[in-house]
Amino acid sequence: MTPLPRATDKDVVRAIEGSGFVLSHLRGRHHYLKKPGGGRLISVPVHGNRDLPTGTLRSIIRQAEITTDTLTQALYS
């Protein structure tokens, strides 16, 4: 398993969108992304371009049903 990268909230939103998700809506400081054609709604907290905590990032990866490698590749491409 690849270690989790340190990433800002906005970078994670961009990477998740690159994995096929689209922005569904915003509510306060959270961006909600959904995969076209159904699927789960993923919530990403966006608080001033700060790095996401490791546990939060792991939860987002689990909800999106992607691998750490996929997220890392999307972050750095």
Protein backbone atom coordinates (compact mmCIF):
# COMPACT_ATOMS: atom_id res chain seq x y z
CA MET A 1 0.00 0.00 0.00
CA THR A 2 1.30 3.41 -0.94
CA PRO A 3 1.59 5.91 1.91
CA LEU A 4 -0.94 8.72 1.82
CA PRO A 5 0.30 11.93 0.20
CA ARG A 6 0.00 15.27 1.96
CA ALA A 7 -2.46 17.29 -0.08
CA THR A 8 -4.49 20.44 0.26
CA ASP A 9 -8.26 20.32 0.21
CA LYS A 10 -8.47 22.04 -3.18
CA ASP A 11 -5.93 19.63 -4.70
CA VAL A 12 -7.97 16.66 -3.46
CA VAL A 13 -11.16 18.09 -5.01
CA ARG A 14 -9.30 18.52 -8.32
CA ALA A 15 -7.88 14.98 -8.13
CA ILE A 16 -11.28 13.43 -7.33
CA GLU A 17 -12.81 15.33 -10.26
CA GLY A 18 -10.03 13.90 -12.44
CA SER A 19 -11.13 10.42 -11.35
CA GLY A 20 -14.54 10.86 -12.97
CA PHE A 21 -16.49 12.67 -10.27
CA VAL A 22 -18.31 15.95 -10.84
CA LEU A 23 -19.15 18.71 -8.39
CA SER A 24 -22.73 18.18 -7.27
CA HIS A 25 -23.15 21.12 -4.93
CA LEU A 26 -21.56 23.22 -2.19
CA ARG A 27 -22.81 23.57 1.33
CA GLY A 28 -20.88 25.87 3.60
CA ARG A 29 -17.25 24.82 3.46
CA HIS A 30 -17.86 21.38 1.99
CA HIS A 31 -17.77 20.38 -1.66
CA TYR A 32 -19.97 17.43 -2.60
CA LEU A 33 -18.91 15.35 -5.59
CA LYS A 34 -20.85 12.60 -7.33
CA LYS A 35 -20.02 10.07 -10.01
CA PRO A 36 -22.23 10.47 -13.11
CA GLY A 37 -24.72 7.65 -13.51
CA GLY A 38 -25.30 7.16 -9.81
CA GLY A 39 -23.04 6.30 -6.96
CA ARG A 40 -22.15 7.81 -3.66
CA LEU A 41 -21.96 11.44 -2.73
CA ILE A 42 -18.49 12.34 -1.45
CA SER A 43 -17.98 15.25 0.93
CA VAL A 44 -14.65 17.09 0.90
CA PRO A 45 -14.12 19.80 3.54
CA VAL A 46 -12.48 22.92 2.08
CA HIS A 47 -11.06 25.16 4.81
CA GLY A 48 -8.66 27.77 3.49
CA ASN A 49 -6.38 25.63 1.30
CA ARG A 50 -4.94 23.65 4.24
CA ASP A 51 -3.63 20.09 4.13
CA LEU A 52 -6.32 17.53 4.87
CA PRO A 53 -5.76 15.38 7.95
CA THR A 54 -4.66 11.81 7.17
CA GLY A 55 -7.85 10.24 8.55
CA THR A 56 -10.06 12.56 6.50
CA LEU A 57 -8.10 11.82 3.34
CA ARG A 58 -8.33 8.07 4.00
CA SER A 59 -12.11 8.40 4.47
CA ILE A 60 -12.47 10.30 1.18
CA ILE A 61 -10.48 7.60 -0.65
CA ARG A 62 -12.69 4.90 0.87
CA GLN A 63 -15.91 6.75 -0.05
CA ALA A 64 -14.72 7.34 -3.62
CA GLU A 65 -13.74 3.66 -3.94
CA ILE A 66 -10.38 4.56 -5.45
CA THR A 67 -6.89 3.45 -4.48
CA THR A 68 -4.21 5.55 -2.87
CA ASP A 69 -2.14 5.07 -6.03
CA THR A 70 -4.96 6.47 -8.17
CA LEU A 71 -5.27 9.54 -5.96
CA THR A 72 -1.50 10.09 -5.88
CA GLN A 73 -1.31 9.82 -9.66
CA ALA A 74 -4.18 12.30 -10.08
CA LEU A 75 -2.58 14.72 -7.61
CA TYR A 76 0.78 14.80 -9.34
CA SER A 77 -0.25 14.64 -13.00
